[in-house]
Amino acid sequence: MNTARYLVKGKEKLNLYDVPTSYKGKLEKKEVKEVLIPENIEKMREYHEKLYAENNQSLLIVLQAMDAAGKDSLIKNIMTGVNPQGTKVASFKKPSENELDHDYLWRVTKELPPRGEIGIFNRSHYEDVLVSRVHNLVLDQPFPKNLVTKDIWEKRFEEINNFEEYLSNNGITIVKFFLHISKDEQKKRLMERIERPEKNWKFTSSDITERKYFDDYMKAYDDMLVKTSTKTAPWYIVPADKKWFSRYLVSEVILEKLKEMNPQFPKLSKKELESLDKWKKILEED
């Protein structure tokens, strides 16, 4: 797959309403679900085993999307093969009072993956240039009002880019995905949450009230995606109306990143290798 076609190239203008939300290529759903995705999961497992053993670098996966775009199910379906001991999912919901008493990057910094691990952000620090922007929340937060200037979002984009550059310089590879769902498909999935008893638990009233701001969110995403997609931490726009395709595309990109990271099993010294022979003989004689 040519994943580069889904890459956001910084500094270009973007209108998400011009970007497809559904895949219409030659791939078949059955082959993707039964062959291609399982193959990628197995390869990811192999790379993750090396990453964990090497303990030198880490991978951070950032997921952003509108409600019902499939973030949770994507994580569940494509991260099933990796070692749970070296994987952590952090979900960022409405900030707590304690979190609001700190800078907006504080709560995500605590959840960064340590060396040798894969971290997944289900929503992220980008909430503070999306939700906060759409609802102008900085005016109601414990934040100096003299800092709420007309260029506050440009400053935050710059801060985030610098933050991610810093992470990269410290051995954290970052890849970011925006699951791009259409308003019609979102409506269909939200209706399922209401009509299907086994999905009722997923429904919240905010799912509906936030739909009123769909256009505002698209504009905020337009700006954010262009201003924060960098070589260090690129954004990919993932067509999300068909979950099987979005899962496959994300797995392809993650696999590419792991290959680029090229983790290796640690090599033992001559002395350590000789000691293995010693202990092997002891076990054989036991």
Protein backbone atom coordinates (compact mmCIF):
# COMPACT_ATOMS: atom_id res chain seq x y z
CA MET A 1 0.00 0.00 0.00
CA ASN A 2 1.16 3.53 -0.78
CA THR A 3 0.63 5.02 2.67
CA ALA A 4 2.21 8.33 1.61
CA ARG A 5 -0.98 9.31 -0.19
CA TYR A 6 -2.67 9.63 3.22
CA LEU A 7 0.12 11.70 4.72
CA VAL A 8 -0.57 15.35 5.60
CA LYS A 9 2.14 17.50 4.12
CA GLY A 10 2.66 20.52 6.34
CA LYS A 11 2.09 24.10 5.22
CA GLU A 12 -0.50 23.14 2.61
CA LYS A 13 -4.08 24.34 2.82
CA LEU A 14 -6.55 21.65 3.76
CA ASN A 15 -10.31 21.25 3.50
CA LEU A 16 -11.40 17.96 5.05
CA TYR A 17 -14.68 18.08 3.15
CA ASP A 18 -12.59 17.52 0.02
CA VAL A 19 -10.84 14.48 1.54
CA PRO A 20 -12.57 11.09 1.10
CA THR A 21 -13.91 9.43 4.25
CA SER A 22 -14.39 6.06 2.55
CA TYR A 23 -12.10 3.69 0.68
CA LYS A 24 -13.10 2.90 -2.91
CA GLY A 25 -10.09 0.99 -4.18
CA LYS A 26 -9.49 -2.59 -5.29
CA LEU A 27 -8.83 -4.16 -1.89
CA GLU A 28 -11.44 -6.72 -0.81
CA LYS A 29 -12.83 -6.65 2.73
CA LYS A 30 -12.53 -10.43 3.19
CA GLU A 31 -8.87 -10.57 2.15
CA VAL A 32 -7.97 -7.57 4.31
CA LYS A 33 -9.68 -8.91 7.44
CA GLU A 34 -8.66 -12.55 7.08
CA VAL A 35 -5.18 -12.27 5.52
CA LEU A 36 -3.57 -8.83 5.34
CA ILE A 37 -4.38 -7.51 8.82
CA PRO A 38 -3.41 -10.80 10.58
CA GLU A 39 -0.12 -10.78 8.65
CA ASN A 40 0.61 -7.23 9.77
CA ILE A 41 -0.29 -8.03 13.38
CA GLU A 42 2.18 -10.93 13.38
CA LYS A 43 4.95 -8.74 11.93
CA MET A 44 4.18 -6.02 14.48
CA ARG A 45 4.45 -8.61 17.24
CA GLU A 46 7.90 -9.63 16.03
CA TYR A 47 9.14 -6.04 15.90
CA HIS A 48 7.63 -5.26 19.28
CA GLU A 49 9.42 -8.23 20.84
CA LYS A 50 12.72 -6.79 19.59
CA LEU A 51 11.76 -3.29 20.70
CA TYR A 52 11.00 -4.52 24.21
CA ALA A 53 14.21 -6.53 24.47
CA GLU A 54 16.37 -3.73 23.04
CA ASN A 55 14.97 -1.18 25.53
CA ASN A 56 16.50 1.82 23.73
CA GLN A 57 13.59 3.51 21.93
CA SER A 58 9.82 3.68 22.03
CA LEU A 59 6.85 4.30 19.74
CA LEU A 60 4.00 6.72 20.43
CA ILE A 61 0.78 6.30 18.43
CA VAL A 62 -1.65 9.24 18.59
CA LEU A 63 -5.31 8.78 17.62
CA GLN A 64 -7.68 11.70 17.12
CA ALA A 65 -11.18 11.65 15.67
CA MET A 66 -14.75 12.74 15.99
CA ASP A 67 -17.02 10.61 18.18
CA ALA A 68 -17.82 7.11 16.85
CA ALA A 69 -14.95 7.12 14.34
CA GLY A 70 -13.68 3.78 15.64
CA LYS A 71 -10.64 4.58 17.81
CA ASP A 72 -11.45 2.04 20.52
CA SER A 73 -12.20 -0.82 18.14
CA LEU A 74 -9.12 -0.01 16.07
CA ILE A 75 -6.90 -0.33 19.14
CA LYS A 76 -8.62 -3.57 20.11
CA ASN A 77 -8.33 -5.12 16.65
CA ILE A 78 -4.82 -4.25 15.49
CA MET A 79 -2.91 -4.22 18.78
CA THR A 80 -4.02 -7.70 19.81
CA GLY A 81 -0.72 -9.32 18.84
CA VAL A 82 1.71 -7.11 20.74
CA ASN A 83 3.02 -7.87 24.21
CA PRO A 84 0.61 -6.28 26.74
CA GLN A 85 3.52 -5.99 29.17
CA GLY A 86 5.15 -3.50 26.81
CA THR A 87 2.05 -1.66 25.61
CA LYS A 88 0.01 1.04 27.30
CA VAL A 89 -3.15 2.83 26.19
CA ALA A 90 -3.87 6.25 27.69
CA SER A 91 -7.30 7.79 27.13
CA PHE A 92 -7.69 11.53 27.59
CA LYS A 93 -11.17 12.68 28.46
CA LYS A 94 -12.36 15.97 29.98
CA PRO A 95 -9.48 17.36 32.11
CA SER A 96 -9.79 16.98 35.87
CA GLU A 97 -9.40 19.94 38.24
CA ASN A 98 -5.91 18.74 39.05
CA GLU A 99 -4.99 18.55 35.37
CA LEU A 100 -6.35 22.03 34.73
CA ASP A 101 -4.09 23.34 37.49
CA HIS A 102 -1.09 22.39 35.32
CA ASP A 103 0.05 23.28 31.81
CA TYR A 104 -1.87 21.53 29.06
CA LEU A 105 1.00 19.16 28.19
CA TRP A 106 1.41 17.97 31.78
CA ARG A 107 -1.16 15.20 31.72
CA VAL A 108 0.17 13.67 28.49
CA THR A 109 3.81 13.88 29.56
CA LYS A 110 3.03 11.53 32.45
CA GLU A 111 1.71 8.90 30.02
CA LEU A 112 4.60 8.83 27.54
CA PRO A 113 5.87 5.32 26.77
CA PRO A 114 9.16 4.33 28.44
CA ARG A 115 11.97 2.85 26.38
CA GLY A 116 11.13 -0.48 24.82
CA GLU A 117 7.38 0.10 24.83
CA ILE A 118 4.53 1.20 22.56
CA GLY A 119 2.25 3.93 23.87
CA ILE A 120 -1.17 4.67 22.39
CA PHE A 121 -2.92 7.97 23.02
CA ASN A 122 -6.70 7.66 22.59
CA ARG A 123 -7.20 11.40 22.13
CA SER A 124 -4.22 13.43 23.25
CA HIS A 125 -2.62 16.84 23.78
CA TYR A 126 -4.42 17.86 20.58
CA GLU A 127 -7.66 18.15 22.52
CA ASP A 128 -6.27 21.50 23.70
CA VAL A 129 -6.24 22.90 20.17
CA LEU A 130 -9.51 21.26 19.16
CA VAL A 131 -12.16 21.05 21.90
CA SER A 132 -10.69 24.04 23.72
CA ARG A 133 -10.71 26.01 20.50
CA VAL A 134 -14.20 25.07 19.32
CA HIS A 135 -15.73 25.83 22.72
CA ASN A 136 -13.28 28.60 23.71
CA LEU A 137 -12.65 26.79 26.99
CA VAL A 138 -9.49 28.70 27.86
CA LEU A 139 -11.70 31.58 29.01
CA ASP A 140 -13.28 29.38 31.70
CA GLN A 141 -10.11 27.60 32.80
CA PRO A 142 -7.63 28.70 35.48
CA PHE A 143 -5.40 30.31 32.89
CA PRO A 144 -4.05 33.90 32.72
CA LYS A 145 -6.55 35.83 30.64
CA ASN A 146 -3.88 38.15 29.29
CA LEU A 147 -2.38 35.11 27.54
CA VAL A 148 -5.63 34.39 25.68
CA THR A 149 -4.63 36.35 22.59
CA LYS A 150 -5.73 36.07 18.99
CA ASP A 151 -2.60 34.05 18.19
CA ILE A 152 -2.94 31.58 21.08
CA TRP A 153 -3.58 28.62 18.74
CA GLU A 154 -0.58 29.43 16.57
CA LYS A 155 1.55 29.54 19.72
CA ARG A 156 0.19 26.18 20.85
CA PHE A 157 0.91 24.63 17.47
CA GLU A 158 4.49 25.82 17.80
CA GLU A 159 4.71 24.52 21.37
CA ILE A 160 3.37 21.11 20.35
CA ASN A 161 5.79 20.87 17.43
CA ASN A 162 8.67 21.73 19.74
CA PHE A 163 7.43 19.21 22.33
CA GLU A 164 7.25 16.43 19.74
CA GLU A 165 10.68 17.36 18.37
CA TYR A 166 12.02 17.06 21.92
CA LEU A 167 10.45 13.61 22.28
CA SER A 168 11.96 12.52 18.98
CA ASN A 169 15.37 13.75 20.11
CA ASN A 170 14.98 11.49 23.15
CA GLY A 171 14.24 8.31 21.25
CA ILE A 172 10.43 8.40 20.93
CA THR A 173 9.14 7.82 17.41
CA ILE A 174 5.76 9.51 16.90
CA VAL A 175 3.04 8.74 14.37
CA LYS A 176 -0.38 10.39 14.42
CA PHE A 177 -3.68 9.32 12.88
CA PHE A 178 -6.86 11.31 12.27
CA LEU A 179 -9.74 8.91 11.68
CA HIS A 180 -11.81 10.80 9.13
CA ILE A 181 -15.49 9.86 9.39
CA SER A 182 -18.39 11.42 7.48
CA LYS A 183 -21.24 13.03 9.34
CA ASP A 184 -23.69 10.52 7.83
CA GLU A 185 -21.62 7.53 8.95
CA GLN A 186 -21.24 9.05 12.40
CA LYS A 187 -25.03 9.37 12.63
CA LYS A 188 -25.43 5.71 11.66
CA ARG A 189 -22.99 4.55 14.36
CA LEU A 190 -24.53 6.76 17.03
CA MET A 191 -27.95 5.32 16.17
CA GLU A 192 -26.50 1.85 16.71
CA ARG A 193 -25.37 2.89 20.18
CA ILE A 194 -28.96 3.84 20.97
CA GLU A 195 -30.78 0.97 19.26
CA ARG A 196 -28.50 -1.96 20.13
CA PRO A 197 -28.59 -2.86 23.85
CA GLU A 198 -25.03 -4.24 23.83
CA LYS A 199 -23.81 -0.84 22.64
CA ASN A 200 -25.90 1.37 24.94
CA TRP A 201 -22.98 1.73 27.34
CA LYS A 202 -21.01 3.60 24.66
CA PHE A 203 -23.62 6.31 24.26
CA THR A 204 -23.38 9.69 25.97
CA SER A 205 -25.52 12.76 25.41
CA SER A 206 -22.42 14.70 24.40
CA ASP A 207 -22.19 12.49 21.32
CA ILE A 208 -25.30 14.26 20.06
CA THR A 209 -24.69 17.76 21.34
CA GLU A 210 -21.20 17.84 19.82
CA ARG A 211 -22.62 17.06 16.37
CA LYS A 212 -23.90 20.65 16.28
CA TYR A 213 -20.27 21.73 16.10
CA PHE A 214 -19.24 19.28 13.38
CA ASP A 215 -18.34 22.03 10.89
CA ASP A 216 -16.42 23.95 13.56
CA TYR A 217 -14.43 20.83 14.40
CA MET A 218 -13.62 20.24 10.74
CA LYS A 219 -12.20 23.77 10.47
CA ALA A 220 -10.18 23.27 13.65
CA TYR A 221 -8.85 19.96 12.32
CA ASP A 222 -8.01 21.58 8.96
CA ASP A 223 -5.78 24.09 10.70
CA MET A 224 -4.30 21.72 13.26
CA LEU A 225 -3.41 18.93 10.82
CA VAL A 226 -1.53 21.25 8.48
CA LYS A 227 0.27 23.19 11.23
CA THR A 228 1.42 20.15 13.22
CA SER A 229 2.22 17.51 10.60
CA THR A 230 6.01 17.42 10.58
CA LYS A 231 8.72 15.06 9.42
CA THR A 232 9.32 14.24 13.08
CA ALA A 233 5.67 13.61 13.92
CA PRO A 234 3.53 13.18 10.78
CA TRP A 235 -0.25 13.10 10.57
CA TYR A 236 -2.09 10.56 8.43
CA ILE A 237 -5.72 11.15 7.43
CA VAL A 238 -7.38 7.73 7.59
CA PRO A 239 -10.68 7.21 5.73
CA ALA A 240 -12.79 5.79 8.57
CA ASP A 241 -16.23 5.05 7.12
CA LYS A 242 -15.13 1.45 6.54
CA LYS A 243 -13.52 0.14 9.70
CA TRP A 244 -11.78 -2.78 8.00
CA PHE A 245 -9.87 -0.38 5.77
CA SER A 246 -8.96 2.13 8.49
CA ARG A 247 -7.58 -0.73 10.61
CA TYR A 248 -5.53 -2.04 7.71
CA LEU A 249 -4.10 1.38 6.80
CA VAL A 250 -3.12 2.14 10.39
CA SER A 251 -1.48 -1.28 10.76
CA GLU A 252 0.49 -0.65 7.56
CA VAL A 253 1.81 2.69 8.78
CA ILE A 254 2.69 1.35 12.25
CA LEU A 255 4.56 -1.52 10.63
CA GLU A 256 6.46 0.95 8.44
CA LYS A 257 7.48 2.95 11.50
CA LEU A 258 8.66 -0.15 13.35
CA LYS A 259 10.74 -1.16 10.34
CA GLU A 260 12.30 2.32 10.26
CA MET A 261 13.09 2.06 13.98
CA ASN A 262 14.77 -1.29 13.25
CA PRO A 263 14.95 -2.59 16.84
CA GLN A 264 17.40 -5.43 17.47
CA PHE A 265 17.77 -8.11 20.11
CA PRO A 266 20.69 -7.24 22.41
CA LYS A 267 23.93 -9.01 21.54
CA LEU A 268 25.69 -10.87 24.32
CA SER A 269 29.39 -10.43 24.97
CA LYS A 270 31.82 -13.32 24.53
CA LYS A 271 31.94 -13.73 28.30
CA GLU A 272 28.15 -13.85 28.54
CA LEU A 273 27.93 -16.40 25.71
CA GLU A 274 30.50 -18.59 27.43
CA SER A 275 28.48 -18.44 30.65
CA LEU A 276 25.42 -19.71 28.75
CA ASP A 277 27.35 -22.83 27.77
CA LYS A 278 28.32 -23.27 31.41
CA TRP A 279 24.74 -23.07 32.66
CA LYS A 280 23.53 -25.29 29.83
CA LYS A 281 25.92 -28.07 30.93
CA ILE A 282 24.76 -27.70 34.54
CA LEU A 283 21.13 -28.09 33.48
CA GLU A 284 21.95 -31.10 31.28
CA GLU A 285 23.66 -32.80 34.23
CA ASP A 286 20.84 -31.98 36.65
